[in-house]
Amino acid sequence: MTLYYIAGGVLAVWAVVVAFLGIKFDRFPGGKGGERALVTISILLVVATVGSAIILAAAEEQAAGEGTGEVEGGGG
């Protein structure tokens, strides 16, 4: 759960910094190289945040299933 909060927090801070720089400087991000770096970092942060949320949800679902004492595939 901590990983999700860290990734989400970093993503939120990144969004605020990018918005601030975009408002402050007319030519931000300063060309194709800067644009590619900005998009790449943004995509990586989003993937890390969403991925950690998916992993966390799967782990919680598995833990909840183990705690109920249900047996999978035991029908008949």
Protein backbone atom coordinates (compact mmCIF):
# COMPACT_ATOMS: atom_id res chain seq x y z
CA MET A 1 0.00 0.00 0.00
CA THR A 2 2.91 2.29 0.71
CA LEU A 3 4.20 1.92 -2.85
CA TYR A 4 0.88 3.16 -4.22
CA TYR A 5 0.90 6.22 -1.96
CA ILE A 6 4.50 7.04 -2.86
CA ALA A 7 3.91 6.62 -6.61
CA GLY A 8 0.69 8.64 -6.45
CA GLY A 9 2.35 11.39 -4.43
CA VAL A 10 5.27 11.62 -6.83
CA LEU A 11 2.84 11.76 -9.76
CA ALA A 12 0.87 14.57 -8.10
CA VAL A 13 4.02 16.57 -7.35
CA TRP A 14 5.22 16.00 -10.93
CA ALA A 15 1.91 17.33 -12.28
CA VAL A 16 2.14 20.48 -10.15
CA VAL A 17 5.78 21.08 -11.16
CA VAL A 18 5.01 20.60 -14.86
CA ALA A 19 2.02 22.93 -14.62
CA PHE A 20 4.09 25.56 -12.81
CA LEU A 21 6.89 25.39 -15.35
CA GLY A 22 4.40 25.53 -18.22
CA ILE A 23 2.82 28.67 -16.78
CA LYS A 24 6.14 30.30 -15.87
CA PHE A 25 8.06 29.74 -19.12
CA ASP A 26 6.68 30.40 -22.59
CA ARG A 27 8.88 27.88 -24.36
CA PHE A 28 8.54 25.02 -21.89
CA PRO A 29 9.60 22.21 -22.38
CA GLY A 30 12.05 23.71 -24.85
CA GLY A 31 11.95 21.57 -27.97
CA LYS A 32 11.40 18.01 -29.12
CA GLY A 33 13.95 16.52 -26.71
CA GLY A 34 12.39 18.20 -23.70
CA GLU A 35 8.93 17.25 -24.86
CA ARG A 36 9.90 13.60 -25.25
CA ALA A 37 11.54 13.55 -21.82
CA LEU A 38 8.49 15.16 -20.24
CA VAL A 39 6.08 12.70 -21.85
CA THR A 40 8.30 9.71 -21.04
CA ILE A 41 8.60 10.64 -17.36
CA SER A 42 4.86 11.31 -17.16
CA ILE A 43 3.99 7.96 -18.74
CA LEU A 44 6.37 6.09 -16.45
CA LEU A 45 4.87 7.73 -13.37
CA VAL A 46 1.31 6.96 -14.46
CA VAL A 47 2.19 3.34 -15.26
CA ALA A 48 3.94 2.97 -11.88
CA THR A 49 0.95 4.41 -10.03
CA VAL A 50 -1.67 2.36 -11.86
CA GLY A 51 0.48 -0.77 -11.73
CA SER A 52 0.97 -0.48 -7.99
CA ALA A 53 -2.79 0.00 -7.55
CA ILE A 54 -3.49 -3.15 -9.57
CA ILE A 55 -0.92 -5.17 -7.63
CA LEU A 56 -2.28 -3.89 -4.33
CA ALA A 57 -5.87 -4.73 -5.29
CA ALA A 58 -4.88 -8.24 -6.38
CA ALA A 59 -2.96 -8.84 -3.14
CA GLU A 60 -5.88 -7.60 -1.04
CA GLU A 61 -8.33 -9.76 -2.97
CA GLN A 62 -6.13 -12.80 -2.51
CA ALA A 63 -5.75 -12.11 1.22
CA ALA A 64 -9.52 -11.68 1.58
CA GLY A 65 -10.13 -14.99 -0.21
CA GLU A 66 -7.71 -16.83 2.04
CA GLY A 67 -9.28 -15.40 5.17
CA THR A 68 -12.79 -16.69 4.47
CA GLY A 69 -11.85 -20.37 4.47
CA GLU A 70 -13.48 -21.01 1.09
CA VAL A 71 -12.08 -23.81 -1.02
CA GLU A 72 -11.70 -23.09 -4.71
CA GLY A 73 -12.87 -25.72 -7.13
CA GLY A 74 -14.46 -27.79 -4.39
CA GLY A 75 -17.96 -27.90 -5.88
CA GLY A 76 -19.72 -31.05 -6.72
